[in-house]
């Protein structure tokens, strides 16, 4: 993935660091996009339609995020990689584990997915402080939307005291078990 050139004002070493971080973000967002669509197809329960319809705009937005990141990588003279095999081989997390499940089960697990994606985006934002403000600005805008999407998810899971129904869960399976619906 070494760049043959980069953007003006950014040396080759810094550009390589930015490209590597952006590639990691691209991989995560491709995975998120597929996970969101998977949940869209497999969610069930009384609030199915609201959740089903809430997820499509998130899928579309995340798809645009992947395009923005891939184009930034190309702009910097490198080659973005978005093939299924690359994503599966290079992601640093396990595959999303739920299949057909209740809305709150999926949303609880999805909340943890968003925790990971947003936290990693924020780390990249910090890393880009002294490296590349253009890429940093792009990730800041994406993080704003990702946090909004997570709020949409959490609004389904929050009680009147502000507590999330799956609070303390450390895995998608634990989050789903914490809110298991009797019919699901």
Foldseek 3Di string as FASTA:
>chain_A
DQFPAFDPPADRVLLVVLLVLLLLLLLLLLLLLVLLVQCLVQEDDDCNVVSNVLSPVVSVVSVVLSVVSQVNSVNGRHHRDDDPVCSVVPHPDDRDDDHRAYLQLSLLQVLVSLVVSLVSLVVSLVVCPPRPVVVNVSSVVVSVVSVVSSVVSQVVQADPVRDGQQPPDDHSNSSSVSDGDPVD
